[in-house]
Amino acid sequence: MNDAEFVSFIKSLDQCWVQGRLRDLTAYLADDVVFVAPGGKLRREGIDYAIESYRRFTSEARIDQFETQDYFVTRRGDAAVVEYTWQMVWFAGGADHQETGRDILVLARRNENWRVVWRTQVAAQN
């Protein structure tokens, strides 16, 4: 894949959870994907946990806006890192929320298919 295809891949992944198509995430996430919580102290492994984390958020929140930008792709052989900034507005717990963050995803080629094998979020720098 070239850089534009990696960006398209990640945008499609995001549309799955934003649109509630959680089963479709299996086309993007590796079975042994690792999700690292912001701050790095909590780590969870496995596609079931990853999909459940999206399900928990989307079942408790109404996403009013989700936009991404500033993609950077670094590829080395059968591995790639995709970084991007996101802005999201959502309603949950009786209140409106707005946040800007940065996702960092590591992808690996497995059996000729690219899959996310690691993901974390960090605070966006202005």
N, C-alpha and C. Protein backbone atom coordinates (compact mmCIF):
# COMPACT_ATOMS: atom_id res chain seq x y z
N MET A 1 0.85 -1.18 0.00
CA MET A 1 0.00 0.00 0.00
C MET A 1 0.89 1.24 0.00
N ASN A 2 0.40 2.28 -0.65
CA ASN A 2 1.10 3.55 -0.58
C ASN A 2 0.48 4.39 0.54
N ASP A 3 1.04 5.59 0.79
CA ASP A 3 0.57 6.42 1.90
C ASP A 3 -0.92 6.72 1.81
N ALA A 4 -1.40 7.08 0.63
CA ALA A 4 -2.83 7.41 0.45
C ALA A 4 -3.71 6.20 0.77
N GLU A 5 -3.27 5.02 0.42
CA GLU A 5 -4.05 3.81 0.71
C GLU A 5 -4.08 3.51 2.20
N PHE A 6 -2.97 3.77 2.90
CA PHE A 6 -2.97 3.60 4.36
C PHE A 6 -3.95 4.58 5.01
N VAL A 7 -3.95 5.82 4.56
CA VAL A 7 -4.87 6.82 5.10
C VAL A 7 -6.31 6.40 4.84
N SER A 8 -6.60 5.95 3.63
CA SER A 8 -7.95 5.49 3.30
C SER A 8 -8.35 4.30 4.17
N PHE A 9 -7.44 3.39 4.41
CA PHE A 9 -7.67 2.23 5.26
C PHE A 9 -8.10 2.68 6.66
N ILE A 10 -7.37 3.63 7.23
CA ILE A 10 -7.67 4.10 8.58
C ILE A 10 -8.97 4.90 8.61
N LYS A 11 -9.22 5.70 7.59
CA LYS A 11 -10.49 6.43 7.54
C LYS A 11 -11.67 5.44 7.47
N SER A 12 -11.51 4.37 6.73
CA SER A 12 -12.56 3.36 6.65
C SER A 12 -12.76 2.66 7.99
N LEU A 13 -11.68 2.37 8.68
CA LEU A 13 -11.77 1.78 10.02
C LEU A 13 -12.56 2.70 10.93
N ASP A 14 -12.23 3.99 10.93
CA ASP A 14 -12.95 4.93 11.79
C ASP A 14 -14.42 5.01 11.44
N GLN A 15 -14.75 4.95 10.17
CA GLN A 15 -16.16 5.02 9.78
C GLN A 15 -16.93 3.81 10.31
N CYS A 16 -16.28 2.67 10.44
CA CYS A 16 -16.96 1.50 10.99
C CYS A 16 -17.51 1.79 12.38
N TRP A 17 -16.66 2.29 13.28
CA TRP A 17 -17.16 2.50 14.64
C TRP A 17 -18.05 3.73 14.75
N VAL A 18 -17.75 4.78 13.99
CA VAL A 18 -18.59 5.98 14.03
C VAL A 18 -20.00 5.65 13.56
N GLN A 19 -20.12 4.81 12.54
CA GLN A 19 -21.42 4.45 11.98
C GLN A 19 -22.05 3.24 12.67
N GLY A 20 -21.39 2.67 13.67
CA GLY A 20 -21.96 1.55 14.40
C GLY A 20 -21.82 0.21 13.71
N ARG A 21 -20.94 0.13 12.72
CA ARG A 21 -20.72 -1.13 12.00
C ARG A 21 -19.55 -1.88 12.65
N LEU A 22 -19.73 -2.29 13.88
CA LEU A 22 -18.64 -2.85 14.66
C LEU A 22 -18.12 -4.18 14.13
N ARG A 23 -18.99 -4.99 13.56
CA ARG A 23 -18.54 -6.28 13.00
C ARG A 23 -17.54 -6.07 11.85
N ASP A 24 -17.67 -4.96 11.16
CA ASP A 24 -16.77 -4.68 10.04
C ASP A 24 -15.34 -4.40 10.50
N LEU A 25 -15.15 -4.12 11.78
CA LEU A 25 -13.81 -3.84 12.29
C LEU A 25 -12.87 -5.03 12.13
N THR A 26 -13.42 -6.23 11.99
CA THR A 26 -12.56 -7.41 11.83
C THR A 26 -11.73 -7.36 10.56
N ALA A 27 -12.13 -6.53 9.60
CA ALA A 27 -11.36 -6.38 8.36
C ALA A 27 -10.16 -5.45 8.55
N TYR A 28 -10.06 -4.81 9.72
CA TYR A 28 -9.01 -3.82 9.96
C TYR A 28 -8.11 -4.16 11.14
N LEU A 29 -8.64 -4.89 12.12
CA LEU A 29 -7.90 -5.18 13.34
C LEU A 29 -7.37 -6.61 13.34
N ALA A 30 -6.14 -6.77 13.80
CA ALA A 30 -5.56 -8.11 13.95
C ALA A 30 -6.21 -8.81 15.14
N ASP A 31 -6.25 -10.13 15.09
CA ASP A 31 -6.83 -10.90 16.20
C ASP A 31 -6.13 -10.60 17.52
N ASP A 32 -4.83 -10.32 17.46
CA ASP A 32 -4.04 -10.07 18.68
C ASP A 32 -3.72 -8.59 18.88
N VAL A 33 -4.56 -7.70 18.33
CA VAL A 33 -4.34 -6.26 18.45
C VAL A 33 -4.20 -5.86 19.92
N VAL A 34 -3.34 -4.89 20.19
CA VAL A 34 -3.14 -4.35 21.53
C VAL A 34 -3.62 -2.91 21.55
N PHE A 35 -4.51 -2.59 22.47
CA PHE A 35 -4.97 -1.22 22.69
C PHE A 35 -4.31 -0.73 23.98
N VAL A 36 -3.63 0.40 23.89
CA VAL A 36 -2.96 1.00 25.04
C VAL A 36 -3.71 2.29 25.38
N ALA A 37 -4.19 2.37 26.62
CA ALA A 37 -4.93 3.55 27.05
C ALA A 37 -4.01 4.77 27.09
N PRO A 38 -4.58 5.96 26.92
CA PRO A 38 -3.77 7.17 27.05
C PRO A 38 -2.99 7.14 28.37
N GLY A 39 -1.74 7.51 28.32
CA GLY A 39 -0.88 7.45 29.49
C GLY A 39 -0.06 6.18 29.56
N GLY A 40 -0.47 5.15 28.81
CA GLY A 40 0.33 3.95 28.66
C GLY A 40 0.27 2.92 29.76
N LYS A 41 -0.51 3.13 30.81
CA LYS A 41 -0.49 2.18 31.92
C LYS A 41 -1.42 1.01 31.75
N LEU A 42 -2.51 1.20 31.03
CA LEU A 42 -3.49 0.12 30.84
C LEU A 42 -3.38 -0.40 29.42
N ARG A 43 -3.17 -1.71 29.31
CA ARG A 43 -3.05 -2.36 28.01
C ARG A 43 -4.03 -3.53 27.96
N ARG A 44 -4.70 -3.64 26.83
CA ARG A 44 -5.61 -4.77 26.62
C ARG A 44 -5.29 -5.39 25.28
N GLU A 45 -5.37 -6.70 25.22
CA GLU A 45 -5.01 -7.42 24.00
C GLU A 45 -6.19 -8.21 23.48
N GLY A 46 -6.31 -8.22 22.15
CA GLY A 46 -7.29 -9.07 21.50
C GLY A 46 -8.38 -8.28 20.80
N ILE A 47 -8.82 -8.83 19.68
CA ILE A 47 -9.84 -8.16 18.88
C ILE A 47 -11.17 -8.06 19.62
N ASP A 48 -11.49 -9.05 20.43
CA ASP A 48 -12.76 -8.99 21.17
C ASP A 48 -12.77 -7.79 22.11
N TYR A 49 -11.68 -7.56 22.83
CA TYR A 49 -11.61 -6.40 23.72
C TYR A 49 -11.69 -5.11 22.91
N ALA A 50 -10.97 -5.04 21.79
CA ALA A 50 -10.95 -3.83 20.98
C ALA A 50 -12.36 -3.47 20.50
N ILE A 51 -13.06 -4.44 19.96
CA ILE A 51 -14.41 -4.18 19.46
C ILE A 51 -15.34 -3.82 20.62
N GLU A 52 -15.18 -4.47 21.75
CA GLU A 52 -16.00 -4.15 22.92
C GLU A 52 -15.75 -2.72 23.39
N SER A 53 -14.52 -2.24 23.31
CA SER A 53 -14.24 -0.87 23.74
C SER A 53 -14.96 0.13 22.83
N TYR A 54 -14.99 -0.14 21.53
CA TYR A 54 -15.75 0.72 20.63
C TYR A 54 -17.25 0.62 20.93
N ARG A 55 -17.74 -0.59 21.18
CA ARG A 55 -19.15 -0.79 21.47
C ARG A 55 -19.57 -0.03 22.72
N ARG A 56 -18.75 -0.12 23.77
CA ARG A 56 -19.07 0.59 25.02
C ARG A 56 -19.20 2.09 24.78
N PHE A 57 -18.23 2.65 24.05
CA PHE A 57 -18.28 4.09 23.81
C PHE A 57 -19.49 4.47 22.97
N THR A 58 -19.71 3.76 21.87
CA THR A 58 -20.79 4.15 20.96
C THR A 58 -22.18 3.87 21.55
N SER A 59 -22.28 2.95 22.51
CA SER A 59 -23.57 2.68 23.13
C SER A 59 -23.91 3.73 24.19
N GLU A 60 -22.89 4.42 24.69
CA GLU A 60 -23.10 5.43 25.73
C GLU A 60 -23.05 6.85 25.21
N ALA A 61 -22.63 7.02 23.96
CA ALA A 61 -22.43 8.37 23.42
C ALA A 61 -23.12 8.52 22.06
N ARG A 62 -23.57 9.73 21.81
CA ARG A 62 -24.06 10.11 20.49
C ARG A 62 -22.96 10.97 19.86
N ILE A 63 -22.38 10.49 18.80
CA ILE A 63 -21.29 11.22 18.15
C ILE A 63 -21.91 12.26 17.21
N ASP A 64 -21.66 13.52 17.50
CA ASP A 64 -22.20 14.61 16.70
C ASP A 64 -21.23 15.07 15.62
N GLN A 65 -19.93 14.89 15.87
CA GLN A 65 -18.93 15.29 14.88
C GLN A 65 -17.67 14.48 15.11
N PHE A 66 -17.08 14.01 14.04
CA PHE A 66 -15.79 13.33 14.11
C PHE A 66 -15.02 13.70 12.85
N GLU A 67 -13.91 14.39 13.01
CA GLU A 67 -13.10 14.82 11.88
C GLU A 67 -11.65 14.44 12.14
N THR A 68 -10.95 14.11 11.05
CA THR A 68 -9.54 13.74 11.16
C THR A 68 -8.71 14.58 10.20
N GLN A 69 -7.42 14.71 10.54
CA GLN A 69 -6.51 15.47 9.68
C GLN A 69 -5.07 15.17 10.08
N ASP A 70 -4.15 15.77 9.36
CA ASP A 70 -2.71 15.69 9.66
C ASP A 70 -2.20 14.25 9.75
N TYR A 71 -2.47 13.49 8.72
CA TYR A 71 -2.01 12.11 8.68
C TYR A 71 -0.52 12.05 8.35
N PHE A 72 0.18 11.16 9.05
CA PHE A 72 1.58 10.87 8.74
C PHE A 72 1.71 9.35 8.68
N VAL A 73 2.34 8.87 7.64
CA VAL A 73 2.54 7.43 7.44
C VAL A 73 4.03 7.16 7.38
N THR A 74 4.48 6.19 8.15
CA THR A 74 5.86 5.72 8.09
C THR A 74 5.81 4.22 7.82
N ARG A 75 6.39 3.81 6.72
CA ARG A 75 6.37 2.38 6.37
C ARG A 75 7.78 1.84 6.33
N ARG A 76 7.94 0.68 6.91
CA ARG A 76 9.21 -0.05 6.88
C ARG A 76 8.89 -1.53 6.65
N GLY A 77 9.10 -1.99 5.44
CA GLY A 77 8.85 -3.39 5.12
C GLY A 77 7.40 -3.76 5.33
N ASP A 78 7.17 -4.78 6.17
CA ASP A 78 5.82 -5.28 6.43
C ASP A 78 5.19 -4.63 7.66
N ALA A 79 5.67 -3.45 8.02
CA ALA A 79 5.09 -2.70 9.15
C ALA A 79 4.91 -1.25 8.74
N ALA A 80 3.92 -0.61 9.35
CA ALA A 80 3.66 0.80 9.08
C ALA A 80 3.08 1.44 10.34
N VAL A 81 3.37 2.72 10.51
CA VAL A 81 2.79 3.51 11.59
C VAL A 81 1.98 4.62 10.94
N VAL A 82 0.73 4.75 11.37
CA VAL A 82 -0.13 5.83 10.89
C VAL A 82 -0.51 6.68 12.10
N GLU A 83 -0.21 7.97 12.00
CA GLU A 83 -0.54 8.92 13.05
C GLU A 83 -1.49 9.96 12.46
N TYR A 84 -2.45 10.41 13.26
CA TYR A 84 -3.34 11.46 12.79
C TYR A 84 -4.02 12.15 13.97
N THR A 85 -4.48 13.36 13.71
CA THR A 85 -5.21 14.15 14.70
C THR A 85 -6.70 14.02 14.44
N TRP A 86 -7.47 13.98 15.52
CA TRP A 86 -8.92 13.92 15.39
C TRP A 86 -9.55 14.96 16.32
N GLN A 87 -10.73 15.42 15.90
CA GLN A 87 -11.56 16.28 16.74
C GLN A 87 -12.92 15.60 16.80
N MET A 88 -13.47 15.53 18.01
CA MET A 88 -14.75 14.87 18.16
C MET A 88 -15.63 15.68 19.10
N VAL A 89 -16.92 15.74 18.75
CA VAL A 89 -17.95 16.31 19.60
C VAL A 89 -18.97 15.20 19.83
N TRP A 90 -19.32 14.97 21.10
CA TRP A 90 -20.27 13.92 21.40
C TRP A 90 -21.08 14.29 22.64
N PHE A 91 -22.20 13.61 22.79
CA PHE A 91 -23.10 13.80 23.93
C PHE A 91 -23.13 12.49 24.70
N ALA A 92 -22.85 12.56 25.99
CA ALA A 92 -22.89 11.37 26.86
C ALA A 92 -23.06 11.81 28.30
N GLY A 93 -23.74 11.00 29.07
CA GLY A 93 -23.91 11.31 30.48
C GLY A 93 -24.63 12.61 30.74
N GLY A 94 -25.50 13.01 29.82
CA GLY A 94 -26.26 14.23 29.99
C GLY A 94 -25.51 15.51 29.68
N ALA A 95 -24.33 15.40 29.05
CA ALA A 95 -23.53 16.59 28.76
C ALA A 95 -22.87 16.49 27.40
N ASP A 96 -22.60 17.65 26.83
CA ASP A 96 -21.84 17.73 25.58
C ASP A 96 -20.35 17.67 25.91
N HIS A 97 -19.60 17.02 25.02
CA HIS A 97 -18.15 16.90 25.18
C HIS A 97 -17.48 17.27 23.87
N GLN A 98 -16.29 17.83 23.99
CA GLN A 98 -15.49 18.14 22.81
C GLN A 98 -14.04 17.86 23.16
N GLU A 99 -13.34 17.17 22.26
CA GLU A 99 -11.95 16.82 22.53
C GLU A 99 -11.18 16.73 21.23
N THR A 100 -9.91 17.02 21.33
CA THR A 100 -8.98 16.84 20.23
C THR A 100 -7.90 15.89 20.71
N GLY A 101 -7.54 14.92 19.89
CA GLY A 101 -6.52 13.96 20.27
C GLY A 101 -5.74 13.51 19.06
N ARG A 102 -4.84 12.61 19.32
CA ARG A 102 -4.00 12.07 18.26
C ARG A 102 -3.96 10.56 18.41
N ASP A 103 -4.26 9.85 17.34
CA ASP A 103 -4.16 8.39 17.33
C ASP A 103 -2.83 7.98 16.72
N ILE A 104 -2.26 6.93 17.27
CA ILE A 104 -1.06 6.30 16.71
C ILE A 104 -1.39 4.83 16.56
N LEU A 105 -1.33 4.36 15.31
CA LEU A 105 -1.64 2.97 15.01
C LEU A 105 -0.45 2.31 14.32
N VAL A 106 -0.15 1.10 14.74
CA VAL A 106 0.88 0.30 14.10
C VAL A 106 0.17 -0.79 13.32
N LEU A 107 0.53 -0.91 12.05
CA LEU A 107 -0.06 -1.93 11.18
C LEU A 107 1.02 -2.91 10.77
N ALA A 108 0.62 -4.15 10.54
CA ALA A 108 1.53 -5.18 10.05
C ALA A 108 0.84 -5.94 8.94
N ARG A 109 1.63 -6.38 7.99
CA ARG A 109 1.06 -7.19 6.92
C ARG A 109 1.02 -8.63 7.40
N ARG A 110 -0.17 -9.21 7.34
CA ARG A 110 -0.39 -10.59 7.77
C ARG A 110 -1.10 -11.32 6.64
N ASN A 111 -0.47 -12.34 6.09
CA ASN A 111 -1.07 -13.11 5.00
C ASN A 111 -1.55 -12.20 3.88
N GLU A 112 -0.72 -11.27 3.50
CA GLU A 112 -0.98 -10.33 2.39
C GLU A 112 -2.04 -9.28 2.71
N ASN A 113 -2.53 -9.24 3.95
CA ASN A 113 -3.50 -8.23 4.35
C ASN A 113 -2.90 -7.36 5.45
N TRP A 114 -3.17 -6.09 5.40
CA TRP A 114 -2.72 -5.18 6.46
C TRP A 114 -3.74 -5.15 7.57
N ARG A 115 -3.25 -5.17 8.82
CA ARG A 115 -4.11 -5.12 10.00
C ARG A 115 -3.47 -4.23 11.06
N VAL A 116 -4.31 -3.56 11.84
CA VAL A 116 -3.82 -2.79 12.98
C VAL A 116 -3.45 -3.79 14.07
N VAL A 117 -2.20 -3.69 14.57
CA VAL A 117 -1.73 -4.59 15.61
C VAL A 117 -1.52 -3.88 16.95
N TRP A 118 -1.54 -2.53 16.91
CA TRP A 118 -1.30 -1.75 18.14
C TRP A 118 -1.89 -0.36 17.95
N ARG A 119 -2.52 0.17 19.03
CA ARG A 119 -3.15 1.50 18.96
C ARG A 119 -3.07 2.19 20.30
N THR A 120 -2.82 3.49 20.25
CA THR A 120 -2.93 4.33 21.44
C THR A 120 -3.39 5.71 21.03
N GLN A 121 -3.76 6.51 22.01
CA GLN A 121 -4.13 7.91 21.80
C GLN A 121 -3.28 8.77 22.71
N VAL A 122 -2.95 9.94 22.21
CA VAL A 122 -2.21 10.92 23.01
C VAL A 122 -2.90 12.27 22.87
N ALA A 123 -2.63 13.15 23.80
CA ALA A 123 -3.19 14.50 23.71
C ALA A 123 -2.61 15.20 22.49
N ALA A 124 -3.45 15.92 21.80
CA ALA A 124 -2.99 16.67 20.62
C ALA A 124 -2.21 17.88 21.07
N GLN A 125 -1.12 18.15 20.39
CA GLN A 125 -0.30 19.32 20.67
C GLN A 125 -0.71 20.45 19.75
N ASN A 126 -0.89 21.62 20.29
CA ASN A 126 -1.24 22.78 19.45
C ASN A 126 -0.01 23.44 18.91
